[in-house]
Amino acid sequence: MEQQTPWTAKLTAKLRRESFVLLVALAIAFIAVTAGMNGWGVLGLLAIMLLAIMCSSEPRPQVASVPPVSEVEEPAARSLLPEVSATLSALDIPVMVLAGDASVLFQNRAAEKAFGEVVIGAHISARLRSPGILDMVRETIVTNAPNQIEHSERLPSERVYIVRSSPVELGAVGGANHGASERLFVLSFRDISEVRRIDRMRSDFVANASHELRTPLASLRGFIETIQGPAKSDFKAQERFLGIMFDQTTRMSRLVDDLLSLSRLELKSHIAPDEKVDLVPLLGHVRDALLPLANDVGVDIQLHLPEGRAEVAGDRDELVQVFENLIENACKYGQEGKLVEVFLKNGPSGPVEVTIVDKGPGIPAEHVPRLTERFYRVNIEDSRSKKGTGLGLAIVKHILTRHRARLIVKSEVGKGTSFTVRF
């Protein structure tokens, strides 16, 4: 236990602290005496001032204010500029704010959704294990210069990001007492997955289109050289070769027509048609147009139509193209079942639906999700032998997208396939 300070020492300490006040009091007393004030009155005034000094409370020592626990734990970036944190939270791209030791001070909602929640104050490597990102962050901290790399995430789904790290000065942190600014770093992630997917699709499309055109062109060139050379006088061989050449040019014409159709559909895909089309006579027209093909492959096309009208908003020529394509495919690829049925449903409370059902071999489940991709074929040789271009269902998909309709495919191996168009 410390011994208490004697009262005399306390008085001396108080008088030293209040020396300025005492000097003022003595000056006032001197002026009062000079002015003729009674001496006892002056002494009484001095006594009252001394008593006030003695009774005054001890000054509290200057202790640095301690912020609440929540403020201590809050990152400097948030406490300094809360509006910046609010702005970053509103962004739809993942953003993290790092300290000079690469610890996470802040992450916005998009970053939490993309990479999971990071413990504030933890090192960035606790969440992102990519050596490329960690090396880039380390280099930015050392050089104080911005950097960026391309980063791919495989799980839970494949995503590609342009990751950029850049330094930012947020001014003096902690007020004038600190007198220095804290270096912070912003780590942002720009998702380019869709751009990469479109680039890959465009590249695949050009490669597939070139391949599809190269094959018939090579055949034409070979037959022309044969006719000009060894078969120059063989009229029977020339007749056979000319028939094959005609088939190849017809195939190229269909391919070019389908490519042009896709281009036109893409240009107006955002414009929904507003004409009224009655599907009852339209399906009858499609069936009549496909009867020669159905007879050639030995397939019977049966229509199951409701009474009255079944109107939808659409473009008649495009809808004819949709149902010609679907019914033709059912006849060619489901000819083993010898029957293609077309059902038109027009219930008072449900959507208008057209379902084309064949009794063919069916489609394996792994192929169904990709049927509407350009140039995708379940069986390449079978498709080419049936004079398919690989673009038919892609055209169907684009037309139905413009009509705000859906294509639903159901298939079971050995039992057949159904294509349903739901408006």
Protein backbone atom coordinates (compact mmCIF):
# COMPACT_ATOMS: atom_id res chain seq x y z
CA MET A 1 0.00 0.00 0.00
CA GLU A 2 1.32 3.48 -0.89
CA GLN A 3 1.40 6.05 1.96
CA GLN A 4 -1.06 8.91 1.61
CA THR A 5 0.42 12.35 0.78
CA PRO A 6 0.34 14.75 3.80
CA TRP A 7 -2.11 17.57 3.55
CA THR A 8 0.68 20.10 3.47
CA ALA A 9 2.17 18.46 0.41
CA LYS A 10 -1.28 18.43 -1.19
CA LEU A 11 -1.69 22.14 -0.42
CA THR A 12 1.73 22.94 -1.88
CA ALA A 13 0.91 20.95 -5.02
CA LYS A 14 -2.44 22.72 -5.39
CA LEU A 15 -0.82 26.14 -4.91
CA ARG A 16 1.75 25.31 -7.58
CA ARG A 17 -0.96 24.22 -9.98
CA GLU A 18 -3.04 27.31 -9.29
CA SER A 19 -0.11 29.76 -9.28
CA PHE A 20 -1.64 31.75 -12.09
CA VAL A 21 -4.92 32.09 -10.19
CA LEU A 22 -3.03 33.19 -7.05
CA LEU A 23 -1.14 35.84 -8.95
CA VAL A 24 -4.39 37.17 -10.33
CA ALA A 25 -5.88 37.16 -6.80
CA LEU A 26 -2.87 39.08 -5.36
CA ALA A 27 -3.11 41.60 -8.18
CA ILE A 28 -6.78 42.12 -7.43
CA ALA A 29 -5.98 42.49 -3.70
CA PHE A 30 -3.27 45.07 -4.42
CA ILE A 31 -5.65 47.06 -6.61
CA ALA A 32 -8.33 46.86 -3.92
CA VAL A 33 -5.97 48.15 -1.18
CA THR A 34 -4.75 50.94 -3.44
CA ALA A 35 -8.35 51.90 -4.10
CA GLY A 36 -8.94 52.26 -0.34
CA MET A 37 -10.74 48.99 0.39
CA ASN A 38 -10.75 47.83 4.00
CA GLY A 39 -7.81 45.50 4.75
CA TRP A 40 -10.00 42.94 6.48
CA GLY A 41 -12.18 42.82 3.43
CA VAL A 42 -9.15 42.13 1.21
CA LEU A 43 -7.96 39.35 3.54
CA GLY A 44 -11.42 37.82 3.54
CA LEU A 45 -11.47 37.83 -0.27
CA LEU A 46 -8.07 36.08 -0.36
CA ALA A 47 -9.22 33.53 2.19
CA ILE A 48 -12.30 32.66 0.11
CA MET A 49 -10.15 32.16 -3.02
CA LEU A 50 -7.72 29.91 -1.09
CA LEU A 51 -10.63 27.88 0.26
CA ALA A 52 -12.03 27.47 -3.27
CA ILE A 53 -8.65 26.21 -4.48
CA MET A 54 -8.44 23.67 -1.62
CA CYS A 55 -11.91 22.35 -2.23
CA SER A 56 -11.47 22.01 -6.00
CA SER A 57 -11.46 18.40 -7.26
CA GLU A 58 -8.30 16.67 -8.41
CA PRO A 59 -7.85 16.89 -12.17
CA ARG A 60 -8.31 13.60 -13.89
CA PRO A 61 -5.23 12.23 -15.58
CA GLN A 62 -5.31 12.37 -19.39
CA VAL A 63 -6.07 8.83 -20.53
CA ALA A 64 -6.35 7.92 -24.16
CA SER A 65 -9.95 7.12 -25.01
CA VAL A 66 -10.50 3.44 -25.69
CA PRO A 67 -13.01 2.75 -28.40
CA PRO A 68 -15.64 0.06 -27.91
CA VAL A 69 -14.70 -3.48 -28.83
CA SER A 70 -16.76 -3.28 -32.01
CA GLU A 71 -14.78 -0.21 -33.12
CA VAL A 72 -11.46 -1.85 -32.30
CA GLU A 73 -12.34 -4.84 -34.39
CA GLU A 74 -13.67 -2.74 -37.25
CA PRO A 75 -11.21 -2.33 -40.14
CA ALA A 76 -9.61 1.07 -40.58
CA ALA A 77 -11.09 1.43 -44.05
CA ARG A 78 -14.64 1.13 -42.69
CA SER A 79 -14.15 3.42 -39.71
CA LEU A 80 -12.38 6.02 -41.83
CA LEU A 81 -14.62 6.04 -44.91
CA PRO A 82 -17.83 4.12 -44.28
CA GLU A 83 -19.33 5.47 -47.51
CA VAL A 84 -16.59 3.68 -49.47
CA SER A 85 -17.57 0.37 -47.89
CA ALA A 86 -21.22 1.02 -48.72
CA THR A 87 -20.29 1.78 -52.34
CA LEU A 88 -18.17 -1.37 -52.67
CA SER A 89 -21.00 -3.45 -51.19
CA ALA A 90 -23.33 -2.21 -53.92
CA LEU A 91 -21.02 -3.36 -56.73
CA ASP A 92 -21.90 -6.56 -58.58
CA ILE A 93 -18.25 -7.58 -59.01
CA PRO A 94 -16.29 -9.24 -56.18
CA VAL A 95 -14.02 -6.74 -54.38
CA MET A 96 -11.71 -7.15 -51.38
CA VAL A 97 -9.72 -4.49 -49.50
CA LEU A 98 -6.36 -5.69 -48.16
CA ALA A 99 -3.93 -4.21 -45.66
CA GLY A 100 -0.20 -3.90 -46.23
CA ASP A 101 0.36 -7.40 -44.82
CA ALA A 102 -2.22 -8.88 -47.26
CA SER A 103 -4.82 -9.37 -44.53
CA VAL A 104 -8.46 -8.85 -45.51
CA LEU A 105 -9.99 -5.65 -44.16
CA PHE A 106 -13.22 -5.76 -46.15
CA GLN A 107 -15.06 -7.82 -48.76
CA ASN A 108 -18.30 -6.92 -50.49
CA ARG A 109 -21.35 -9.14 -50.90
CA ALA A 110 -20.37 -10.25 -54.41
CA ALA A 111 -17.02 -11.51 -53.06
CA GLU A 112 -18.76 -13.40 -50.25
CA LYS A 113 -21.09 -15.02 -52.78
CA ALA A 114 -18.27 -15.96 -55.18
CA PHE A 115 -15.58 -17.12 -52.76
CA GLY A 116 -17.26 -17.52 -49.38
CA GLU A 117 -16.99 -15.35 -46.30
CA VAL A 118 -13.46 -14.43 -45.18
CA VAL A 119 -12.63 -13.77 -41.52
CA ILE A 120 -11.80 -10.08 -41.29
CA GLY A 121 -8.13 -9.74 -40.42
CA ALA A 122 -7.19 -13.11 -41.89
CA HIS A 123 -4.52 -13.39 -44.57
CA ILE A 124 -5.84 -13.52 -48.15
CA SER A 125 -4.31 -16.97 -48.57
CA ALA A 126 -6.85 -18.33 -46.08
CA ARG A 127 -9.50 -18.05 -48.81
CA LEU A 128 -7.68 -17.79 -52.15
CA ARG A 129 -5.03 -20.47 -52.69
CA SER A 130 -4.09 -19.54 -56.26
CA PRO A 131 -0.30 -19.02 -56.45
CA GLY A 132 -0.81 -16.55 -59.30
CA ILE A 133 -3.11 -14.30 -57.25
CA LEU A 134 -0.93 -14.48 -54.14
CA ASP A 135 2.22 -13.64 -56.14
CA MET A 136 0.43 -10.74 -57.81
CA VAL A 137 -0.77 -9.33 -54.46
CA ARG A 138 2.73 -9.69 -53.01
CA GLU A 139 4.25 -7.86 -55.97
CA THR A 140 1.71 -5.03 -55.74
CA ILE A 141 2.44 -4.57 -52.04
CA VAL A 142 6.21 -4.46 -52.66
CA THR A 143 6.19 -2.26 -55.77
CA ASN A 144 3.03 -0.22 -55.02
CA ALA A 145 2.07 -0.70 -58.70
CA PRO A 146 -1.17 -2.24 -60.08
CA ASN A 147 -1.13 -5.72 -61.61
CA GLN A 148 -3.66 -8.09 -63.17
CA ILE A 149 -3.86 -11.74 -64.21
CA GLU A 150 -6.44 -14.15 -65.61
CA HIS A 151 -7.67 -16.68 -63.07
CA SER A 152 -9.93 -19.75 -63.52
CA GLU A 153 -12.13 -21.37 -60.89
CA ARG A 154 -13.18 -25.00 -61.52
CA LEU A 155 -15.51 -25.51 -58.54
CA PRO A 156 -18.42 -25.27 -57.88
CA SER A 157 -18.66 -24.23 -61.55
CA GLU A 158 -16.15 -23.14 -64.17
CA ARG A 159 -15.59 -19.39 -63.98
CA VAL A 160 -12.90 -17.16 -65.50
CA TYR A 161 -11.91 -13.84 -63.89
CA ILE A 162 -9.62 -10.94 -64.67
CA VAL A 163 -8.12 -10.33 -61.21
CA ARG A 164 -6.63 -6.87 -60.61
CA SER A 165 -4.72 -5.64 -57.56
CA SER A 166 -4.05 -1.93 -57.14
CA PRO A 167 -2.84 0.32 -54.29
CA VAL A 168 -5.03 3.05 -52.82
CA GLU A 169 -4.28 5.82 -50.29
CA LEU A 170 -7.12 6.45 -47.83
CA GLY A 171 -5.42 9.34 -46.00
CA ALA A 172 -4.37 9.49 -42.34
CA VAL A 173 -5.78 6.61 -40.37
CA GLY A 174 -6.35 7.15 -36.67
CA GLY A 175 -6.26 10.96 -36.73
CA ALA A 176 -3.47 13.48 -36.24
CA ASN A 177 -1.84 11.49 -33.45
CA HIS A 178 -0.71 8.87 -35.95
CA GLY A 179 0.35 11.39 -38.56
CA ALA A 180 0.75 8.75 -41.30
CA SER A 181 -1.44 7.24 -44.00
CA GLU A 182 -2.13 3.53 -44.17
CA ARG A 183 -1.48 1.82 -47.50
CA LEU A 184 -4.42 -0.31 -48.55
CA PHE A 185 -4.91 -2.44 -51.65
CA VAL A 186 -8.03 -3.25 -53.66
CA LEU A 187 -8.40 -6.73 -55.16
CA SER A 188 -11.17 -6.90 -57.81
CA PHE A 189 -12.51 -9.80 -59.89
CA ARG A 190 -14.12 -9.18 -63.30
CA ASP A 191 -16.07 -12.22 -64.51
CA ILE A 192 -15.37 -12.93 -68.19
CA SER A 193 -16.80 -16.47 -68.22
CA GLU A 194 -19.60 -15.54 -70.62
CA VAL A 195 -17.19 -13.77 -72.97
CA ARG A 196 -14.93 -16.83 -73.03
CA ARG A 197 -17.91 -19.11 -73.64
CA ILE A 198 -19.12 -17.00 -76.57
CA ASP A 199 -15.61 -16.88 -78.03
CA ARG A 200 -15.37 -20.66 -77.75
CA MET A 201 -18.79 -21.08 -79.40
CA ARG A 202 -17.82 -18.72 -82.22
CA SER A 203 -14.57 -20.56 -82.78
CA ASP A 204 -16.34 -23.94 -82.76
CA PHE A 205 -19.01 -22.60 -85.11
CA VAL A 206 -16.48 -21.35 -87.67
CA ALA A 207 -14.53 -24.61 -87.46
CA ASN A 208 -17.66 -26.75 -87.86
CA ALA A 209 -19.05 -24.63 -90.70
CA SER A 210 -15.72 -24.79 -92.52
CA HIS A 211 -15.60 -28.56 -92.06
CA GLU A 212 -19.16 -29.03 -93.27
CA LEU A 213 -18.44 -27.02 -96.43
CA ARG A 214 -15.00 -28.53 -97.02
CA THR A 215 -16.34 -32.10 -97.32
CA PRO A 216 -18.77 -31.55 -100.22
CA LEU A 217 -16.33 -29.18 -101.95
CA ALA A 218 -13.62 -31.85 -101.82
CA SER A 219 -16.08 -34.37 -103.29
CA LEU A 220 -17.05 -31.99 -106.09
CA ARG A 221 -13.43 -31.31 -106.97
CA GLY A 222 -12.60 -35.02 -106.99
CA PHE A 223 -15.51 -35.91 -109.26
CA ILE A 224 -14.78 -33.02 -111.63
CA GLU A 225 -11.15 -34.14 -111.95
CA THR A 226 -12.33 -37.73 -112.57
CA ILE A 227 -14.77 -36.63 -115.27
CA GLN A 228 -12.10 -34.51 -116.92
CA GLY A 229 -9.55 -37.35 -116.76
CA PRO A 230 -10.16 -41.13 -116.48
CA ALA A 231 -13.95 -40.93 -116.98
CA LYS A 232 -13.78 -38.46 -119.84
CA SER A 233 -15.35 -40.92 -122.27
CA ASP A 234 -17.30 -43.01 -119.74
CA PHE A 235 -20.79 -41.50 -119.99
CA LYS A 236 -22.29 -44.02 -117.58
CA ALA A 237 -19.75 -43.07 -114.86
CA GLN A 238 -20.29 -39.40 -115.64
CA GLU A 239 -24.03 -39.77 -115.09
CA ARG A 240 -23.44 -41.42 -111.70
CA PHE A 241 -20.86 -38.82 -110.66
CA LEU A 242 -23.12 -35.96 -111.71
CA GLY A 243 -25.89 -37.35 -109.49
CA ILE A 244 -23.53 -37.43 -106.50
CA MET A 245 -22.31 -33.91 -107.32
CA PHE A 246 -25.91 -32.69 -107.41
CA ASP A 247 -26.54 -34.17 -103.96
CA GLN A 248 -23.40 -32.47 -102.60
CA THR A 249 -24.34 -29.06 -104.01
CA THR A 250 -27.85 -29.50 -102.58
CA ARG A 251 -26.32 -30.25 -99.19
CA MET A 252 -24.16 -27.11 -99.40
CA SER A 253 -27.20 -25.05 -100.39
CA ARG A 254 -29.13 -26.33 -97.36
CA LEU A 255 -26.17 -25.54 -95.11
CA VAL A 256 -25.84 -22.00 -96.46
CA ASP A 257 -29.60 -21.45 -96.17
CA ASP A 258 -29.54 -22.65 -92.55
CA LEU A 259 -26.59 -20.38 -91.73
CA LEU A 260 -28.43 -17.41 -93.24
CA SER A 261 -31.56 -18.33 -91.28
CA LEU A 262 -29.58 -18.38 -88.03
CA SER A 263 -28.07 -14.98 -88.81
CA ARG A 264 -31.48 -13.44 -89.53
CA LEU A 265 -32.96 -14.95 -86.39
CA GLU A 266 -30.14 -13.62 -84.22
CA LEU A 267 -30.66 -10.11 -85.57
CA LYS A 268 -34.34 -10.04 -84.60
CA SER A 269 -34.27 -12.38 -81.57
CA HIS A 270 -35.28 -9.52 -79.25
CA ILE A 271 -38.43 -8.69 -81.24
CA ALA A 272 -41.39 -10.88 -80.33
CA PRO A 273 -43.88 -11.47 -83.20
CA ASP A 274 -47.40 -10.16 -82.61
CA GLU A 275 -49.43 -11.79 -85.40
CA LYS A 276 -52.13 -14.34 -84.56
CA VAL A 277 -51.45 -17.79 -86.04
CA ASP A 278 -53.92 -20.69 -85.91
CA LEU A 279 -51.93 -23.89 -85.36
CA VAL A 280 -54.72 -26.24 -86.49
CA PRO A 281 -54.48 -25.52 -90.24
CA LEU A 282 -50.74 -24.85 -89.96
CA LEU A 283 -50.02 -28.38 -88.70
CA GLY A 284 -52.23 -29.80 -91.44
CA HIS A 285 -50.21 -27.89 -94.03
CA VAL A 286 -46.91 -29.18 -92.57
CA ARG A 287 -48.19 -32.78 -92.60
CA ASP A 288 -49.24 -32.50 -96.25
CA ALA A 289 -45.85 -31.02 -97.22
CA LEU A 290 -43.98 -33.89 -95.54
CA LEU A 291 -46.14 -36.75 -96.87
CA PRO A 292 -43.75 -37.58 -99.77
CA LEU A 293 -40.81 -37.87 -97.32
CA ALA A 294 -42.92 -39.94 -94.89
CA ASN A 295 -43.96 -42.31 -97.67
CA ASP A 296 -40.33 -42.72 -98.77
CA VAL A 297 -39.20 -43.79 -95.30
CA GLY A 298 -42.40 -45.79 -94.59
CA VAL A 299 -43.73 -43.60 -91.75
CA ASP A 300 -47.36 -42.69 -91.07
CA ILE A 301 -47.94 -39.14 -89.71
CA GLN A 302 -51.05 -38.90 -87.52
CA LEU A 303 -52.47 -35.58 -86.30
CA HIS A 304 -54.50 -35.28 -83.09
CA LEU A 305 -56.07 -31.83 -83.28
CA PRO A 306 -58.74 -30.24 -81.05
CA GLU A 307 -61.93 -28.76 -82.40
CA GLY A 308 -61.99 -25.06 -83.07
CA ARG A 309 -59.00 -22.74 -83.23
CA ALA A 310 -55.67 -22.82 -81.39
CA GLU A 311 -54.15 -19.37 -81.83
CA VAL A 312 -50.75 -18.18 -80.66
CA ALA A 313 -48.79 -14.98 -81.24
CA GLY A 314 -46.17 -15.78 -83.85
CA ASP A 315 -44.74 -15.60 -87.33
CA ARG A 316 -46.44 -18.16 -89.58
CA ASP A 317 -43.46 -18.88 -91.83
CA GLU A 318 -41.13 -19.38 -88.86
CA LEU A 319 -43.60 -21.68 -87.08
CA VAL A 320 -43.94 -23.72 -90.29
CA GLN A 321 -40.15 -24.04 -90.29
CA VAL A 322 -40.20 -25.20 -86.63
CA PHE A 323 -42.78 -27.95 -87.09
CA GLU A 324 -41.43 -29.06 -90.48
CA ASN A 325 -38.05 -29.52 -88.86
CA LEU A 326 -39.36 -31.42 -85.82
CA ILE A 327 -41.72 -33.70 -87.78
CA GLU A 328 -39.11 -34.33 -90.50
CA ASN A 329 -36.57 -35.33 -87.83
CA ALA A 330 -39.13 -37.63 -86.23
CA CYS A 331 -39.75 -39.31 -89.59
CA LYS A 332 -36.06 -39.70 -90.50
CA TYR A 333 -34.61 -40.68 -87.12
CA GLY A 334 -37.66 -42.54 -85.79
CA GLN A 335 -38.56 -44.42 -88.96
CA GLU A 336 -38.04 -47.75 -87.21
CA GLY A 337 -41.28 -47.16 -85.31
CA LYS A 338 -43.22 -46.52 -88.55
CA LEU A 339 -45.41 -43.95 -86.76
CA VAL A 340 -45.14 -40.23 -85.87
CA GLU A 341 -47.95 -38.69 -83.84
CA VAL A 342 -48.59 -34.96 -83.47
CA PHE A 343 -50.71 -33.79 -80.51
CA LEU A 344 -52.07 -30.26 -80.25
CA LYS A 345 -53.23 -29.29 -76.77
CA ASN A 346 -55.30 -26.14 -76.27
CA GLY A 347 -56.79 -26.27 -72.80
CA PRO A 348 -58.77 -23.33 -71.42
CA SER A 349 -56.51 -22.95 -68.39
CA GLY A 350 -53.15 -24.17 -69.69
CA PRO A 351 -50.68 -23.15 -72.37
CA VAL A 352 -50.89 -24.18 -76.01
CA GLU A 353 -48.64 -27.20 -76.60
CA VAL A 354 -47.64 -29.16 -79.68
CA THR A 355 -45.98 -32.54 -79.03
CA ILE A 356 -44.32 -34.65 -81.75
CA VAL A 357 -43.81 -38.29 -80.71
CA ASP A 358 -41.90 -40.98 -82.58
CA LYS A 359 -41.42 -44.69 -81.78
CA GLY A 360 -37.78 -44.81 -82.83
CA PRO A 361 -34.66 -45.95 -80.97
CA GLY A 362 -34.60 -42.97 -78.62
CA ILE A 363 -31.73 -40.69 -77.61
CA PRO A 364 -29.28 -41.47 -74.79
CA ALA A 365 -29.75 -39.14 -71.82
CA GLU A 366 -26.26 -37.61 -72.03
CA HIS A 367 -27.01 -36.21 -75.51
CA VAL A 368 -30.39 -34.60 -74.77
CA PRO A 369 -29.11 -31.32 -73.19
CA ARG A 370 -26.89 -30.61 -76.22
CA LEU A 371 -29.34 -31.34 -79.04
CA THR A 372 -29.94 -27.65 -79.84
CA GLU A 373 -26.23 -26.80 -80.13
CA ARG A 374 -25.05 -25.89 -83.60
CA PHE A 375 -23.60 -28.83 -85.55
CA TYR A 376 -24.13 -31.18 -82.61
CA ARG A 377 -25.08 -34.68 -83.73
CA VAL A 378 -25.83 -37.82 -81.73
CA ASN A 379 -24.52 -39.92 -84.62
CA ILE A 380 -22.53 -38.02 -87.26
CA GLU A 381 -22.64 -40.66 -89.98
CA ASP A 382 -26.35 -41.32 -89.46
CA SER A 383 -27.08 -37.59 -89.63
CA ARG A 384 -25.12 -37.07 -92.83
CA SER A 385 -26.66 -40.12 -94.46
CA LYS A 386 -30.07 -38.53 -93.77
CA LYS A 387 -28.87 -35.23 -95.28
CA GLY A 388 -28.89 -33.33 -92.00
CA THR A 389 -26.89 -30.11 -91.61
CA GLY A 390 -26.65 -30.19 -87.81
CA LEU A 391 -28.35 -26.78 -87.60
CA GLY A 392 -32.03 -27.72 -87.63
CA LEU A 393 -32.65 -27.84 -83.89
CA ALA A 394 -30.48 -24.75 -83.35
CA ILE A 395 -32.82 -22.89 -85.73
CA VAL A 396 -35.83 -24.29 -83.88
CA LYS A 397 -34.42 -23.06 -80.57
CA HIS A 398 -33.80 -19.54 -81.93
CA ILE A 399 -37.29 -19.29 -83.44
CA LEU A 400 -38.95 -20.47 -80.23
CA THR A 401 -36.85 -18.04 -78.18
CA ARG A 402 -38.14 -15.20 -80.36
CA HIS A 403 -41.68 -16.52 -79.85
CA ARG A 404 -41.14 -16.71 -76.06
CA ALA A 405 -41.80 -20.46 -76.25
CA ARG A 406 -39.97 -23.48 -74.82
CA LEU A 407 -38.73 -26.73 -76.36
CA ILE A 408 -39.01 -29.72 -74.01
CA VAL A 409 -37.30 -32.96 -75.04
CA LYS A 410 -38.03 -36.34 -73.45
CA SER A 411 -36.50 -39.56 -74.67
CA GLU A 412 -36.05 -43.15 -73.57
CA VAL A 413 -33.69 -45.50 -75.33
CA GLY A 414 -35.63 -48.22 -77.15
CA LYS A 415 -39.03 -46.49 -76.70
CA GLY A 416 -38.85 -43.27 -78.67
CA THR A 417 -38.61 -39.50 -78.30
CA SER A 418 -41.04 -36.62 -77.83
CA PHE A 419 -40.45 -32.93 -78.65
CA THR A 420 -42.92 -30.55 -77.02
CA VAL A 421 -43.27 -26.89 -78.03
CA ARG A 422 -44.92 -24.98 -75.18
CA PHE A 423 -46.16 -21.44 -75.93
